[in-house]
N, C-alpha and C. Protein backbone atom coordinates (compact mmCIF):
# COMPACT_ATOMS: atom_id res chain seq x y z
N UNK A 1 0.75 -1.21 0.06
CA UNK A 1 0.19 0.14 -0.17
C UNK A 1 0.88 1.14 -0.10
N UNK A 2 0.88 2.44 -0.91
CA UNK A 2 1.49 3.61 -0.86
C UNK A 2 1.25 4.14 0.43
N UNK A 3 2.62 4.67 0.79
CA UNK A 3 2.67 5.61 1.93
C UNK A 3 1.95 7.09 1.73
N UNK A 4 0.73 7.26 2.43
CA UNK A 4 -0.10 8.47 2.24
C UNK A 4 0.76 9.82 2.60
N UNK A 5 1.66 9.69 3.40
CA UNK A 5 2.41 10.71 3.92
C UNK A 5 3.21 11.35 2.98
N UNK A 6 3.02 12.72 2.64
CA UNK A 6 3.75 13.38 1.81
C UNK A 6 5.23 13.24 2.04
N UNK A 7 6.16 13.48 1.05
CA UNK A 7 7.77 13.16 1.01
C UNK A 7 8.14 14.24 2.08
N UNK A 8 9.08 13.94 2.68
CA UNK A 8 9.62 15.23 3.56
C UNK A 8 10.48 16.02 2.66
N UNK A 9 10.56 17.34 2.65
CA UNK A 9 11.48 18.22 1.93
C UNK A 9 12.67 18.24 2.69
N UNK A 10 13.69 18.08 1.76
CA UNK A 10 15.31 18.31 2.12
C UNK A 10 15.34 19.49 3.38
N UNK A 11 15.96 18.99 4.24
CA UNK A 11 16.38 19.93 5.30
C UNK A 11 17.08 21.17 4.60
N UNK A 12 16.94 22.16 5.12
CA UNK A 12 17.74 23.53 4.37
C UNK A 12 19.11 23.46 4.21
N UNK A 13 19.71 22.88 5.43
CA UNK A 13 21.11 22.88 5.47
C UNK A 13 21.48 21.89 4.42
N UNK A 14 20.92 20.82 4.28
CA UNK A 14 21.13 19.79 3.23
C UNK A 14 21.16 20.36 1.62
N UNK A 15 20.13 21.12 1.38
CA UNK A 15 19.99 21.87 0.19
C UNK A 15 20.83 22.63 0.06
N UNK A 16 21.21 23.58 0.98
CA UNK A 16 22.34 24.39 1.00
C UNK A 16 23.79 24.13 0.81
N UNK A 17 23.89 22.89 1.31
CA UNK A 17 25.31 22.05 1.13
C UNK A 17 25.06 21.72 -0.25
N UNK A 18 24.03 20.97 -0.78
CA UNK A 18 24.16 20.39 -2.24
C UNK A 18 24.50 21.52 -3.26
N UNK A 19 23.91 22.86 -2.86
CA UNK A 19 23.93 23.87 -3.94
C UNK A 19 25.41 24.38 -3.80
N UNK A 20 26.18 24.45 -2.73
CA UNK A 20 27.24 24.95 -2.68
C UNK A 20 28.14 24.02 -3.37
N UNK A 21 28.35 22.70 -3.04
CA UNK A 21 28.87 21.70 -3.78
C UNK A 21 28.87 21.77 -5.22
N UNK A 22 27.70 21.82 -5.71
CA UNK A 22 27.48 21.93 -7.23
C UNK A 22 28.04 23.06 -7.62
N UNK A 23 27.85 24.28 -7.34
CA UNK A 23 28.36 25.46 -7.86
C UNK A 23 29.91 25.46 -7.77
N UNK A 24 30.43 24.95 -6.84
CA UNK A 24 32.00 25.01 -6.53
C UNK A 24 32.49 23.99 -7.61
N UNK A 25 31.95 22.77 -7.49
CA UNK A 25 32.36 21.70 -8.71
C UNK A 25 32.37 21.99 -10.02
N UNK A 26 31.07 22.65 -9.90
CA UNK A 26 30.62 23.26 -11.62
C UNK A 26 31.95 24.15 -12.16
N UNK A 27 32.12 25.19 -10.99
CA UNK A 27 33.21 26.05 -11.53
C UNK A 27 34.60 25.53 -11.87
N UNK A 28 34.84 24.57 -11.00
CA UNK A 28 36.09 23.85 -11.18
C UNK A 28 36.14 22.95 -12.55
N UNK A 29 35.16 22.56 -12.85
CA UNK A 29 35.04 21.69 -14.17
C UNK A 29 35.16 22.64 -15.46
N UNK A 30 34.30 23.74 -15.15
CA UNK A 30 34.06 24.90 -16.33
C UNK A 30 35.42 25.56 -16.68
N UNK A 31 36.09 25.87 -15.62
CA UNK A 31 37.70 26.56 -15.55
C UNK A 31 38.63 25.48 -15.84
N UNK A 32 38.49 24.24 -16.18
CA UNK A 32 39.61 23.37 -16.45
C UNK A 32 40.40 22.93 -15.40
N UNK A 33 39.96 22.97 -14.24
CA UNK A 33 40.82 22.59 -13.18
C UNK A 33 40.90 20.99 -13.10
N UNK A 34 39.77 20.22 -13.88
CA UNK A 34 39.96 18.79 -13.82
C UNK A 34 40.25 18.32 -15.35
N UNK A 35 41.15 17.37 -15.51
CA UNK A 35 41.65 17.07 -16.87
C UNK A 35 40.37 16.12 -17.48
N UNK A 36 40.46 16.14 -18.96
CA UNK A 36 39.90 15.30 -19.49
C UNK A 36 39.68 13.88 -19.04
N UNK A 37 38.70 12.98 -18.68
CA UNK A 37 38.80 11.72 -18.23
C UNK A 37 39.04 11.49 -16.76
N UNK A 38 39.37 12.58 -16.23
CA UNK A 38 39.64 12.42 -14.61
C UNK A 38 38.57 11.72 -13.72
N UNK A 39 38.76 10.92 -13.28
CA UNK A 39 37.82 10.33 -12.23
C UNK A 39 37.63 10.94 -10.77
N UNK A 40 36.21 10.86 -10.56
CA UNK A 40 35.83 11.37 -9.45
C UNK A 40 35.23 10.30 -8.58
N UNK A 41 35.30 10.42 -7.21
CA UNK A 41 34.55 9.56 -6.18
C UNK A 41 33.60 10.54 -5.42
N UNK A 42 32.37 9.75 -5.04
CA UNK A 42 31.48 10.62 -4.15
C UNK A 42 32.43 10.94 -2.85
N UNK A 43 32.96 9.93 -2.30
CA UNK A 43 33.65 10.19 -1.19
C UNK A 43 34.62 11.38 -1.14
N UNK A 44 35.56 11.39 -2.33
CA UNK A 44 36.35 12.27 -2.41
C UNK A 44 35.52 13.80 -2.53
N UNK A 45 34.74 13.66 -3.38
CA UNK A 45 33.98 15.10 -3.39
C UNK A 45 33.40 15.41 -2.10
N UNK A 46 32.88 14.69 -1.33
CA UNK A 46 32.57 15.06 0.08
C UNK A 46 33.51 15.47 1.00
N UNK A 47 34.62 14.75 0.88
CA UNK A 47 35.76 15.41 1.65
C UNK A 47 36.34 16.56 1.15
N UNK A 48 36.50 16.92 -0.13
CA UNK A 48 37.05 18.06 -0.75
C UNK A 48 36.17 19.22 -0.20
N UNK A 49 34.99 19.10 -0.04
CA UNK A 49 33.94 20.16 0.24
C UNK A 49 33.32 20.15 1.63
N UNK A 50 33.85 19.09 2.47
CA UNK A 50 33.38 19.05 3.69
C UNK A 50 32.02 18.77 4.06
N UNK A 51 31.53 18.19 3.28
CA UNK A 51 30.12 17.67 3.58
C UNK A 51 29.87 16.22 3.70
N UNK A 52 28.72 15.76 3.59
CA UNK A 52 28.45 14.36 4.04
C UNK A 52 28.09 13.82 2.31
N UNK A 53 27.83 12.73 2.18
CA UNK A 53 27.70 11.95 0.91
C UNK A 53 26.51 12.38 0.34
N UNK A 54 25.58 12.75 0.82
CA UNK A 54 24.26 13.19 0.05
C UNK A 54 24.52 14.43 -0.70
N UNK A 55 24.94 15.53 -0.04
CA UNK A 55 24.98 16.45 -0.98
C UNK A 55 26.15 16.53 -2.30
N UNK A 56 27.10 15.60 -2.02
CA UNK A 56 27.93 15.27 -3.13
C UNK A 56 27.26 14.35 -4.09
N UNK A 57 26.60 13.41 -3.47
CA UNK A 57 25.87 12.67 -4.55
C UNK A 57 24.83 13.53 -5.52
N UNK A 58 24.16 14.48 -4.82
CA UNK A 58 23.17 15.14 -5.59
C UNK A 58 23.71 16.22 -6.40
N UNK A 59 24.98 16.49 -6.14
CA UNK A 59 25.69 17.59 -6.91
C UNK A 59 26.36 16.79 -8.21
N UNK A 60 26.69 15.77 -7.96
CA UNK A 60 27.35 14.99 -9.03
C UNK A 60 26.29 14.54 -10.19
N UNK A 61 25.01 13.97 -9.54
CA UNK A 61 23.82 13.55 -10.21
C UNK A 61 23.51 14.73 -11.23
N UNK A 62 23.41 15.96 -10.63
CA UNK A 62 23.06 17.23 -11.52
C UNK A 62 24.08 17.51 -12.43
N UNK A 63 25.38 17.57 -12.11
CA UNK A 63 26.42 17.80 -13.15
C UNK A 63 26.44 16.82 -14.34
N UNK A 64 26.17 15.56 -13.90
CA UNK A 64 25.96 14.56 -14.85
C UNK A 64 25.02 14.40 -16.01
N UNK A 65 23.87 15.12 -15.46
CA UNK A 65 22.56 15.51 -16.25
C UNK A 65 23.03 16.80 -17.10
N UNK A 66 23.88 17.57 -16.90
CA UNK A 66 24.23 18.74 -17.79
C UNK A 66 25.56 18.21 -18.57
N UNK A 67 26.15 17.08 -18.68
CA UNK A 67 26.95 16.46 -19.38
C UNK A 67 28.03 17.11 -19.01
N UNK A 68 28.46 17.56 -17.89
CA UNK A 68 29.59 17.96 -17.21
C UNK A 68 30.52 16.59 -16.61
N UNK A 69 29.82 15.62 -16.39
CA UNK A 69 30.28 14.36 -15.82
C UNK A 69 29.62 13.28 -16.52
N UNK A 70 30.51 12.46 -16.60
CA UNK A 70 29.77 10.89 -17.02
C UNK A 70 29.84 10.09 -16.22
N UNK A 71 28.65 9.08 -16.33
CA UNK A 71 28.84 8.07 -15.21
C UNK A 71 28.49 6.86 -16.08
N UNK A 72 29.63 5.84 -15.69
CA UNK A 72 29.96 4.46 -16.58
C UNK A 72 28.51 3.69 -16.07
N UNK A 73 28.42 2.46 -16.75
CA UNK A 73 27.44 1.42 -16.55
C UNK A 73 27.96 0.95 -15.01
N UNK A 74 29.51 0.99 -14.49
CA UNK A 74 29.77 0.33 -13.34
C UNK A 74 29.75 1.49 -12.24
N UNK A 75 29.17 2.59 -12.67
CA UNK A 75 29.13 3.84 -11.65
C UNK A 75 30.33 4.69 -11.49
N UNK A 76 31.25 4.50 -12.30
CA UNK A 76 32.37 5.47 -12.34
C UNK A 76 32.13 6.79 -13.01
N UNK A 77 32.48 7.87 -12.10
CA UNK A 77 32.22 9.08 -12.45
C UNK A 77 33.63 9.62 -12.95
N UNK A 78 33.48 10.31 -14.01
CA UNK A 78 34.60 11.22 -14.66
C UNK A 78 34.22 12.40 -15.67
N UNK A 79 35.04 13.13 -15.64
CA UNK A 79 34.75 14.48 -16.59
C UNK A 79 35.03 13.72 -18.04
N UNK A 80 34.17 14.18 -18.95
CA UNK A 80 34.04 13.59 -20.28
C UNK A 80 35.43 13.89 -20.98
N UNK A 81 35.93 12.83 -21.72
CA UNK A 81 36.96 12.63 -22.52
C UNK A 81 36.31 12.82 -23.98
N UNK A 82 36.43 13.95 -24.62
CA UNK A 82 35.42 14.18 -25.76
C UNK A 82 36.12 13.92 -27.10
N UNK A 83 35.34 13.23 -28.01
CA UNK A 83 35.91 12.79 -29.13
C UNK A 83 35.96 13.85 -29.99
N UNK A 84 36.62 13.78 -31.13
CA UNK A 84 36.69 14.83 -32.18
C UNK A 84 35.46 15.48 -32.87
N UNK A 85 34.31 14.28 -32.94
CA UNK A 85 33.26 14.59 -33.36
C UNK A 85 32.24 15.56 -32.37
N UNK A 86 32.51 15.14 -31.02
CA UNK A 86 31.81 15.74 -30.01
C UNK A 86 32.56 17.25 -29.97
N UNK A 87 33.82 17.23 -29.79
CA UNK A 87 34.51 18.60 -29.83
C UNK A 87 34.00 19.62 -31.26
N UNK A 88 33.85 18.78 -32.33
CA UNK A 88 33.12 19.63 -33.40
C UNK A 88 31.64 20.27 -33.18
N UNK A 89 30.92 19.13 -32.52
CA UNK A 89 29.66 19.69 -32.33
C UNK A 89 29.60 20.76 -31.24
N UNK A 90 30.23 20.75 -30.51
CA UNK A 90 30.19 21.70 -29.34
C UNK A 90 30.91 23.16 -29.92
N UNK A 91 31.70 22.98 -30.55
CA UNK A 91 32.32 24.26 -31.28
C UNK A 91 31.14 24.63 -32.15
N UNK A 92 30.49 24.05 -32.94
CA UNK A 92 29.49 24.57 -33.99
C UNK A 92 28.31 25.00 -32.90
N UNK A 93 27.93 24.46 -31.76
CA UNK A 93 26.91 25.29 -30.83
C UNK A 93 27.53 26.54 -30.55
N UNK A 94 28.56 26.67 -30.11
CA UNK A 94 29.29 27.97 -29.71
C UNK A 94 29.12 28.83 -30.67
N UNK A 95 29.49 28.54 -31.87
CA UNK A 95 29.34 29.24 -33.17
C UNK A 95 27.99 29.77 -33.62
N UNK A 96 26.92 28.94 -33.23
CA UNK A 96 25.72 29.74 -33.19
C UNK A 96 25.10 30.36 -32.23
N UNK A 97 25.27 30.08 -30.93
CA UNK A 97 25.06 30.74 -29.83
C UNK A 97 25.34 32.09 -29.57
N UNK A 98 26.90 31.94 -29.47
CA UNK A 98 27.52 33.21 -29.09
C UNK A 98 27.50 34.28 -29.91
N UNK A 99 27.60 34.20 -31.12
CA UNK A 99 27.33 35.59 -31.95
C UNK A 99 26.00 36.11 -31.92
N UNK A 100 25.11 35.13 -31.51
CA UNK A 100 23.78 35.75 -31.46
C UNK A 100 23.40 36.62 -30.28
N UNK A 101 24.23 36.01 -29.07
CA UNK A 101 24.19 36.71 -27.85
C UNK A 101 25.10 38.06 -28.01
N UNK A 102 26.36 38.15 -28.74
CA UNK A 102 26.99 39.31 -28.70
C UNK A 102 25.93 40.13 -29.79
N UNK A 103 25.22 40.06 -30.60
CA UNK A 103 24.53 40.72 -31.47
C UNK A 103 23.37 41.40 -30.51
N UNK A 104 22.70 40.60 -29.87
CA UNK A 104 21.86 41.08 -29.06
C UNK A 104 22.37 41.93 -27.86
N UNK A 105 23.61 41.82 -27.47
CA UNK A 105 24.08 42.84 -26.29
C UNK A 105 24.57 43.99 -26.96
N UNK A 106 24.75 43.86 -28.37
CA UNK A 106 25.47 45.16 -28.97
C UNK A 106 24.68 46.60 -28.60
N UNK A 107 23.11 46.65 -28.69
CA UNK A 107 22.60 47.85 -28.71
C UNK A 107 22.80 48.29 -27.28
N UNK A 108 23.05 47.48 -26.18
CA UNK A 108 23.52 48.01 -24.90
C UNK A 108 24.94 48.00 -24.59
N UNK A 109 25.67 47.97 -25.52
CA UNK A 109 27.37 48.12 -25.24
C UNK A 109 27.63 49.54 -24.92
N UNK A 110 27.30 49.87 -23.93
CA UNK A 110 27.74 51.34 -23.42
C UNK A 110 29.04 51.40 -23.30
N UNK A 111 29.90 52.68 -22.99
CA UNK A 111 31.18 52.83 -23.04
C UNK A 111 31.85 52.01 -21.65
N UNK A 112 30.79 52.19 -20.69
CA UNK A 112 31.67 51.39 -19.43
C UNK A 112 31.66 50.01 -19.38
N UNK A 113 30.68 49.43 -20.42
CA UNK A 113 30.98 47.83 -20.66
C UNK A 113 32.08 47.69 -21.48
N UNK A 114 32.28 48.46 -22.34
CA UNK A 114 33.61 48.36 -23.23
C UNK A 114 34.66 48.68 -22.26
N UNK A 115 34.65 49.54 -21.55
CA UNK A 115 36.09 49.58 -20.46
C UNK A 115 36.16 48.33 -19.61
N UNK A 116 34.82 47.83 -19.28
CA UNK A 116 35.05 46.74 -18.34
C UNK A 116 35.80 45.45 -19.11
N UNK A 117 35.25 45.33 -20.23
CA UNK A 117 35.88 44.38 -21.10
C UNK A 117 37.35 44.35 -21.40
N UNK A 118 37.64 45.92 -21.56
CA UNK A 118 39.18 46.10 -21.81
C UNK A 118 39.83 45.53 -20.70
N UNK A 119 39.47 45.88 -19.44
CA UNK A 119 40.19 45.74 -18.37
C UNK A 119 40.18 44.13 -18.05
N UNK A 120 38.90 43.26 -18.43
CA UNK A 120 39.33 41.79 -18.17
C UNK A 120 40.08 41.50 -19.23
N UNK A 121 40.41 41.96 -20.56
CA UNK A 121 40.99 41.44 -21.30
C UNK A 121 42.56 41.59 -21.05
N UNK A 122 42.84 42.75 -20.20
CA UNK A 122 44.12 42.92 -19.49
C UNK A 122 44.50 41.84 -18.46
N UNK A 123 43.39 41.38 -17.82
CA UNK A 123 43.46 40.37 -16.82
C UNK A 123 43.86 39.14 -17.76
N UNK A 124 43.24 38.87 -18.70
CA UNK A 124 43.62 37.82 -19.70
C UNK A 124 45.00 37.63 -19.94
N UNK A 125 45.85 38.78 -20.11
CA UNK A 125 47.14 39.08 -20.63
C UNK A 125 47.87 38.53 -19.38
N UNK A 126 47.57 38.90 -18.11
CA UNK A 126 48.46 38.74 -16.91
C UNK A 126 48.33 37.32 -16.76
N UNK A 127 47.23 36.62 -16.89
CA UNK A 127 47.29 35.11 -16.61
C UNK A 127 48.14 34.60 -17.63
N UNK A 128 48.21 34.65 -19.08
CA UNK A 128 49.22 34.30 -19.77
C UNK A 128 50.64 34.72 -19.73
N UNK A 129 50.93 35.72 -19.21
CA UNK A 129 52.29 35.86 -18.66
C UNK A 129 52.79 35.14 -17.75
N UNK A 130 51.68 34.59 -16.65
CA UNK A 130 52.19 33.72 -15.39
C UNK A 130 51.96 32.39 -15.89
N UNK A 131 51.49 32.14 -17.08
CA UNK A 131 51.34 30.53 -17.38
C UNK A 131 50.42 29.98 -16.64
N UNK A 132 49.02 30.62 -16.37
CA UNK A 132 48.10 30.27 -15.30
C UNK A 132 46.85 29.90 -16.30
N UNK A 133 46.96 28.70 -16.49
CA UNK A 133 45.82 27.78 -17.50
C UNK A 133 44.62 28.00 -17.01
N UNK A 134 44.44 27.86 -15.75
CA UNK A 134 43.08 27.89 -15.08
C UNK A 134 42.61 29.22 -14.91
N UNK A 135 43.61 30.18 -14.84
CA UNK A 135 43.09 31.66 -14.55
C UNK A 135 42.93 32.16 -16.04
N UNK A 136 43.50 31.48 -17.11
CA UNK A 136 43.03 31.96 -18.30
C UNK A 136 41.74 31.63 -18.90
N UNK A 137 41.40 30.40 -18.44
CA UNK A 137 40.31 29.92 -18.97
C UNK A 137 39.07 30.66 -18.24
N UNK A 138 39.33 31.03 -16.94
CA UNK A 138 38.38 31.79 -16.21
C UNK A 138 38.25 33.12 -16.48
N UNK A 139 39.19 33.91 -16.97
CA UNK A 139 39.14 35.04 -17.12
C UNK A 139 38.41 35.41 -18.83
N UNK A 140 39.23 34.28 -19.63
CA UNK A 140 38.58 34.31 -20.92
C UNK A 140 37.02 34.06 -20.94
N UNK A 141 36.27 33.36 -20.12
CA UNK A 141 35.06 33.13 -20.06
C UNK A 141 34.19 34.12 -19.58
N UNK A 142 34.92 34.77 -18.60
CA UNK A 142 34.25 36.38 -17.81
C UNK A 142 34.15 37.27 -19.01
N UNK A 143 35.37 37.32 -20.02
CA UNK A 143 35.14 38.48 -21.17
C UNK A 143 33.79 38.14 -21.68
N UNK A 144 33.63 36.85 -21.98
CA UNK A 144 32.51 36.50 -22.98
C UNK A 144 31.13 36.67 -22.35
N UNK A 145 31.34 36.20 -20.86
CA UNK A 145 29.89 36.20 -20.18
C UNK A 145 29.45 37.77 -19.96
N UNK A 146 30.49 38.51 -19.60
CA UNK A 146 30.17 40.08 -19.47
C UNK A 146 29.55 40.78 -20.51
N UNK A 147 29.86 40.41 -21.61
CA UNK A 147 29.38 40.80 -22.55
C UNK A 147 28.06 40.29 -23.08
N UNK A 148 27.79 38.96 -22.90
CA UNK A 148 26.38 38.26 -22.99
C UNK A 148 25.56 38.65 -22.18
N UNK A 149 25.88 39.05 -20.73
CA UNK A 149 24.76 39.55 -19.91
C UNK A 149 23.95 40.66 -20.36
N UNK A 150 24.77 41.56 -21.47
CA UNK A 150 23.91 42.56 -21.76
C UNK A 150 23.05 42.33 -22.79
N UNK A 151 23.01 40.95 -23.36
CA UNK A 151 22.08 40.60 -24.22
C UNK A 151 20.64 40.31 -23.72
N UNK A 152 20.48 40.27 -22.29
CA UNK A 152 19.16 40.04 -21.77
C UNK A 152 18.47 38.99 -22.21
N UNK A 153 19.25 37.77 -22.35
CA UNK A 153 18.76 36.63 -23.32
C UNK A 153 19.08 35.37 -22.26
N UNK A 154 18.40 35.17 -21.14
CA UNK A 154 18.82 34.21 -19.99
C UNK A 154 18.87 32.72 -20.66
N UNK A 155 17.91 32.44 -21.66
CA UNK A 155 17.72 30.85 -22.07
C UNK A 155 19.12 30.80 -23.07
N UNK A 156 19.39 31.83 -23.85
CA UNK A 156 20.47 31.67 -24.76
C UNK A 156 21.89 31.27 -23.87
N UNK A 157 21.95 32.26 -22.71
CA UNK A 157 23.05 32.18 -21.85
C UNK A 157 23.11 31.03 -21.32
N UNK A 158 22.18 30.49 -20.61
CA UNK A 158 21.92 29.04 -19.91
C UNK A 158 22.69 28.04 -20.71
N UNK A 159 22.27 28.01 -22.08
CA UNK A 159 22.60 27.12 -23.19
C UNK A 159 23.99 27.21 -23.38
N UNK A 160 24.53 28.30 -23.55
CA UNK A 160 25.82 28.54 -23.76
C UNK A 160 26.96 28.08 -22.64
N UNK A 161 26.36 28.44 -21.33
CA UNK A 161 26.99 28.04 -20.05
C UNK A 161 27.22 26.37 -20.08
N UNK A 162 26.25 25.64 -20.69
CA UNK A 162 26.06 24.23 -20.54
C UNK A 162 27.37 23.97 -21.41
N UNK A 163 27.44 24.40 -22.58
CA UNK A 163 28.30 23.82 -23.64
C UNK A 163 29.77 24.26 -23.03
N UNK A 164 29.85 25.53 -22.39
CA UNK A 164 31.33 25.81 -21.68
C UNK A 164 31.57 24.67 -20.63
N UNK A 165 30.48 24.31 -20.07
CA UNK A 165 30.77 23.49 -18.82
C UNK A 165 31.34 22.04 -19.35
N UNK A 166 30.66 21.53 -20.46
CA UNK A 166 30.89 20.23 -21.16
C UNK A 166 32.25 20.38 -21.87
N UNK A 167 32.88 21.63 -21.99
CA UNK A 167 34.31 21.76 -22.74
C UNK A 167 35.14 22.02 -21.76
N UNK A 168 34.97 22.15 -20.40
CA UNK A 168 35.88 23.07 -19.84
C UNK A 168 37.20 22.19 -19.37
N UNK A 169 37.31 20.71 -19.27
CA UNK A 169 38.51 19.96 -19.28
C UNK A 169 39.31 20.08 -20.42
N UNK A 170 38.34 19.96 -21.60
CA UNK A 170 39.05 20.06 -22.95
C UNK A 170 39.70 21.30 -23.30
N UNK A 171 39.29 22.59 -22.84
CA UNK A 171 39.87 23.90 -23.01
C UNK A 171 41.13 23.80 -22.22
N UNK A 172 41.32 23.16 -21.05
CA UNK A 172 42.64 22.94 -20.43
C UNK A 172 43.46 22.33 -21.37
N UNK A 173 43.18 21.28 -22.09
CA UNK A 173 44.20 20.66 -22.95
C UNK A 173 44.60 21.57 -24.09
N UNK A 174 43.50 22.33 -24.33
CA UNK A 174 43.74 23.08 -25.77
C UNK A 174 44.83 24.40 -25.33
N UNK A 175 44.61 24.67 -24.20
CA UNK A 175 45.45 25.93 -23.54
C UNK A 175 46.87 25.40 -23.77
N UNK A 176 47.48 24.20 -23.40
CA UNK A 176 48.59 23.55 -23.42
C UNK A 176 49.01 23.49 -24.93
N UNK A 177 48.45 23.35 -25.90
CA UNK A 177 48.52 23.22 -27.15
C UNK A 177 48.81 24.61 -28.00
N UNK A 178 47.80 25.53 -27.39
CA UNK A 178 48.08 26.97 -27.87
C UNK A 178 49.31 27.66 -27.72
N UNK A 179 49.73 27.38 -26.60
CA UNK A 179 51.12 28.08 -26.06
C UNK A 179 51.05 29.80 -26.11
N UNK A 180 49.89 30.28 -25.75
CA UNK A 180 49.59 31.51 -25.97
C UNK A 180 50.74 32.54 -25.55
N UNK A 181 50.88 33.68 -25.88
CA UNK A 181 51.89 34.56 -25.34
C UNK A 181 51.15 35.88 -25.35
N UNK A 182 49.99 36.03 -25.63
CA UNK A 182 49.35 37.51 -25.77
C UNK A 182 47.61 37.06 -25.81
N UNK A 183 46.93 38.14 -25.28
CA UNK A 183 45.56 37.61 -25.44
C UNK A 183 45.09 37.38 -26.92
N UNK A 184 44.11 36.38 -26.83
CA UNK A 184 43.40 35.97 -27.98
C UNK A 184 43.30 37.13 -29.11
N UNK A 185 43.58 37.21 -30.37
CA UNK A 185 43.51 38.24 -31.19
C UNK A 185 42.13 38.76 -31.36
N UNK A 186 41.05 37.72 -31.44
CA UNK A 186 39.83 38.19 -31.60
C UNK A 186 39.26 38.94 -30.78
N UNK A 187 39.60 39.11 -29.50
CA UNK A 187 39.27 39.93 -28.46
C UNK A 187 39.16 41.45 -28.91
N UNK A 188 40.50 41.61 -29.56
CA UNK A 188 40.78 42.87 -29.99
C UNK A 188 39.54 43.29 -31.18
N UNK A 189 39.49 42.19 -31.98
CA UNK A 189 38.55 42.48 -33.09
C UNK A 189 36.97 42.67 -32.47
N UNK A 190 36.64 41.99 -31.46
CA UNK A 190 35.24 42.06 -30.65
C UNK A 190 35.27 43.52 -29.95
N UNK A 191 36.32 43.93 -29.41
CA UNK A 191 36.29 45.41 -28.78
C UNK A 191 36.20 46.27 -29.88
N UNK A 192 36.68 46.16 -31.02
CA UNK A 192 36.87 47.27 -32.05
C UNK A 192 35.48 47.31 -32.78
N UNK A 193 34.94 46.18 -32.78
CA UNK A 193 33.32 46.10 -33.73
C UNK A 193 32.31 46.62 -32.51
N UNK A 194 32.54 46.51 -31.17
CA UNK A 194 31.77 46.93 -30.19
C UNK A 194 31.50 48.61 -30.25
N UNK A 195 33.01 48.93 -30.30
CA UNK A 195 33.10 50.78 -30.31
C UNK A 195 32.52 51.12 -31.64
N UNK A 196 32.43 50.39 -32.76
CA UNK A 196 32.10 51.02 -34.01
C UNK A 196 30.58 50.54 -34.20
N UNK A 197 30.06 49.95 -33.31
CA UNK A 197 28.60 49.41 -33.72
C UNK A 197 28.47 48.62 -34.80
N UNK A 198 29.56 47.83 -35.10
CA UNK A 198 29.56 47.07 -36.16
C UNK A 198 29.05 45.54 -35.94
N UNK A 199 27.64 45.04 -36.43
CA UNK A 199 27.19 44.02 -36.01
C UNK A 199 27.75 42.85 -36.77
N UNK A 200 27.66 42.91 -38.07
CA UNK A 200 28.32 41.96 -38.79
C UNK A 200 29.52 41.65 -38.26
N UNK A 201 30.60 42.59 -38.16
CA UNK A 201 32.13 42.37 -37.59
C UNK A 201 32.11 41.85 -36.29
N UNK A 202 30.90 42.11 -35.55
CA UNK A 202 31.01 41.49 -34.18
C UNK A 202 30.66 39.96 -34.20
N UNK A 203 29.51 39.61 -35.18
CA UNK A 203 29.36 38.48 -35.18
C UNK A 203 30.63 37.46 -35.57
N UNK A 204 31.15 38.02 -36.70
CA UNK A 204 32.33 37.29 -37.24
C UNK A 204 33.59 37.05 -36.18
N UNK A 205 33.73 38.43 -35.32
CA UNK A 205 34.86 38.05 -34.42
C UNK A 205 34.47 37.03 -33.49
N UNK A 206 33.42 37.23 -32.84
CA UNK A 206 33.04 36.28 -31.91
C UNK A 206 32.78 34.71 -32.45
N UNK A 207 32.50 34.58 -33.48
CA UNK A 207 32.62 33.22 -34.42
C UNK A 207 34.14 32.75 -34.28
N UNK A 208 34.77 33.33 -34.88
CA UNK A 208 36.03 33.09 -34.97
C UNK A 208 36.97 32.80 -33.67
N UNK A 209 36.56 33.78 -32.69
CA UNK A 209 37.27 33.42 -31.21
C UNK A 209 36.75 32.23 -30.62
N UNK A 210 35.70 31.84 -30.66
CA UNK A 210 35.18 30.62 -29.95
C UNK A 210 35.48 29.23 -30.59
N UNK A 211 35.72 29.37 -31.94
CA UNK A 211 35.62 28.02 -32.72
C UNK A 211 37.22 27.89 -33.21
N UNK A 212 38.04 28.87 -33.44
CA UNK A 212 39.38 28.61 -34.11
C UNK A 212 40.37 27.72 -32.99
N UNK A 213 40.49 28.16 -31.73
CA UNK A 213 41.11 27.17 -31.10
C UNK A 213 40.76 25.66 -30.84
N UNK A 214 39.31 25.50 -30.64
CA UNK A 214 38.78 24.34 -30.69
C UNK A 214 39.15 23.33 -31.69
N UNK A 215 39.13 23.95 -32.64
CA UNK A 215 39.26 23.10 -34.11
C UNK A 215 40.66 22.65 -34.34
N UNK A 216 41.72 23.25 -33.40
CA UNK A 216 42.83 22.80 -33.34
C UNK A 216 43.04 21.45 -32.59
N UNK A 217 41.95 20.99 -31.79
CA UNK A 217 42.26 19.80 -31.36
C UNK A 217 41.66 18.75 -32.12
N UNK A 218 41.09 18.76 -33.20
CA UNK A 218 40.72 17.83 -33.92
C UNK A 218 42.01 17.13 -34.58
N UNK A 219 41.75 15.88 -35.04
CA UNK A 219 42.62 15.00 -35.67
C UNK A 219 43.62 14.22 -34.85
């Protein structure tokens, strides 16, 4: 006979712990702190964030649903090791989503926003000088997200962040291959297009920025 009692809601502290673990682990994956195919254990996640197993399990389940983690038939949890075809697919998604976000942001790209993007791009330069791969990925994504927030298109941005999340470990591998010594050249093109109000030029610059590097990983 079914239990007529309503399911008990999660205790507030458990819900808060789950959200904290989810957000922190999500940031680690998105910023390339974990390598492609790197394994995780629920016990290790719980210990790392000072929680019980339940918040760790819920955070891992949520990230797996977003494609940030892969769970094998045996229950092994790992970051995705993307095939060439999957990298190409995600690069194509970035090429569709991000130029559209930039285009929608352009009418709201006031001088203060452009100044802020210039400052972030300087921070990108500093991470390159320090050979800080994680800092580079984080500030590079901050550059894009700061612009895209002006689009006021939350559904587009949520989809874009899901793609970033799936690509995080791969972006770390890409950083090592690129051996950058200066900020991405397309950032300067993006800034110039924003100043000029050049919508076609902005789309082209964003598309080039988000796909050029990823396509180096194929083959």
